[in-house]
Amino acid sequence: MYQNEGYVRYRILRIVVLGIGAVILMRLFAMQILDDGYDERATQNMLRTEVEYPMRGEVLDRNGEYLVKSRVCYDVMVVYRELPKEGFDTLRLMTILDMSKEALTKRLREASRSPRAVTLVVGYLSQEGKLLLDEGGFSGFHTRFRTAREYPRKIGGNLLGYVSEITQGQLQRSEYDYYEAGDYIGTQGVESAYETLLRGEKGVSYRIYDSHGAVQGSYNDGENDVQPIKGAQLTSTIDARLQEFAEQMMEGKIGSVVAIEPSTGEILVMVSSPTYNPDLMVGRARSANYASMLHDQRQPQFNRAVKAKYPPGSTFKLVQGLIGLQEGTLRASDRYPCNNGYSYGTRKMGCHPHSSPLDLRDAVA
């Protein structure tokens, strides 16, 4: 009798366990196969790691006047897999981004090759454009904070250099480990020489986005975020007023002007002519402007102040002439003949054609 009761209990327990298992399996089947609500809610909240770019440092002249400033702008990025299947208002997006249909289509085609990756659509979007993009609710599109350079006096193109996107060749070199594809880097001039100081330090943020690309908040209340550090503000020895005056004096000429403070060796002026407006190397037209200057036979991007070679003879005359006048061994009216150069051994260093004899004033001229 006791054996029969135990057997019955065993059968009941077995039926209960099998029943519970069947209910669980049915629920799992319904959740994962029949009901797509959980999948939709999972994709509605996405965690995204974003690089926070710092403000690039400014460059001042010796009197505290801005030679280079930074202004706020944005990169527009897209994640192709997050684009709505029903499409979006292409015309409105083209108007906000100031892009042609062909350019937008090309960018989206490139993004489709890596649908989960963040792909650049266009750069240098203004703050007004960012607000319009956010208001439009374009799913899959989002912005990334950037800064762009601006030049209050429009001087010193060769002296200051410019900022451009880092090349693939640079990324492959170990000294550029700090950078990633799409980052900007100082190129030529002051921007390149003081890149490590001007660039600042990148930060990182963890943000939660919904399916429409709108920010829902910071992950873990921002406790894991790292704030970017602004680049250093540099004060140069250049005098902006003198630099501008020298560039005006050299307009239409080919050559260079360098003015140095003798007591300290500080460079007050460094002009290469012809030069270019540094604003031409900022914004979406930068590539076209750069290509145009490359084909300019006068080579406006060639810094003659530091790269060209000029005869040093007349510079030497200034030093020797001042010493002679100071010591009383030379009078400004004394005239000396020239043998069209100086011979030593079998070699001869020639000079420019000129009249002979010359006094000190004409010799320096």
Foldseek 3Di string as FASTA:
>chain_A
DVVVVVVVVVVVVVVVVVVVVVVVVVVVCCVPPVDCPVVQVVQFKDKDKDKAFAAFAFEAEQVRHTFKHKDKWKWKKFQLVLFDPVHADPVQLCVLQVHDPVLQVVQSVVNVVPNRDIGTSFIGRDPVSQVSVVVRLGFGMHIHMDIWMDGPVLFDPQAAAGKDFDDPVVCVDPVVVQDDGPDIAGDHHPRHVCGVQRRFFMKMFMFIHGSSRDTPAGPPNGPPTGDTGGGHHHYAHEDVVVQVVVQVVCPPHAAWDWDADVVPRGTHYTDGPPAGRNCCCIDPNNVVSVVVLVPPPSNNNDRRRPPNDDDCVLVVLVVVVVVCVVVVVADQPDWAFDPQFDDDDPDTDGDDDDDPTDGSVVSSD
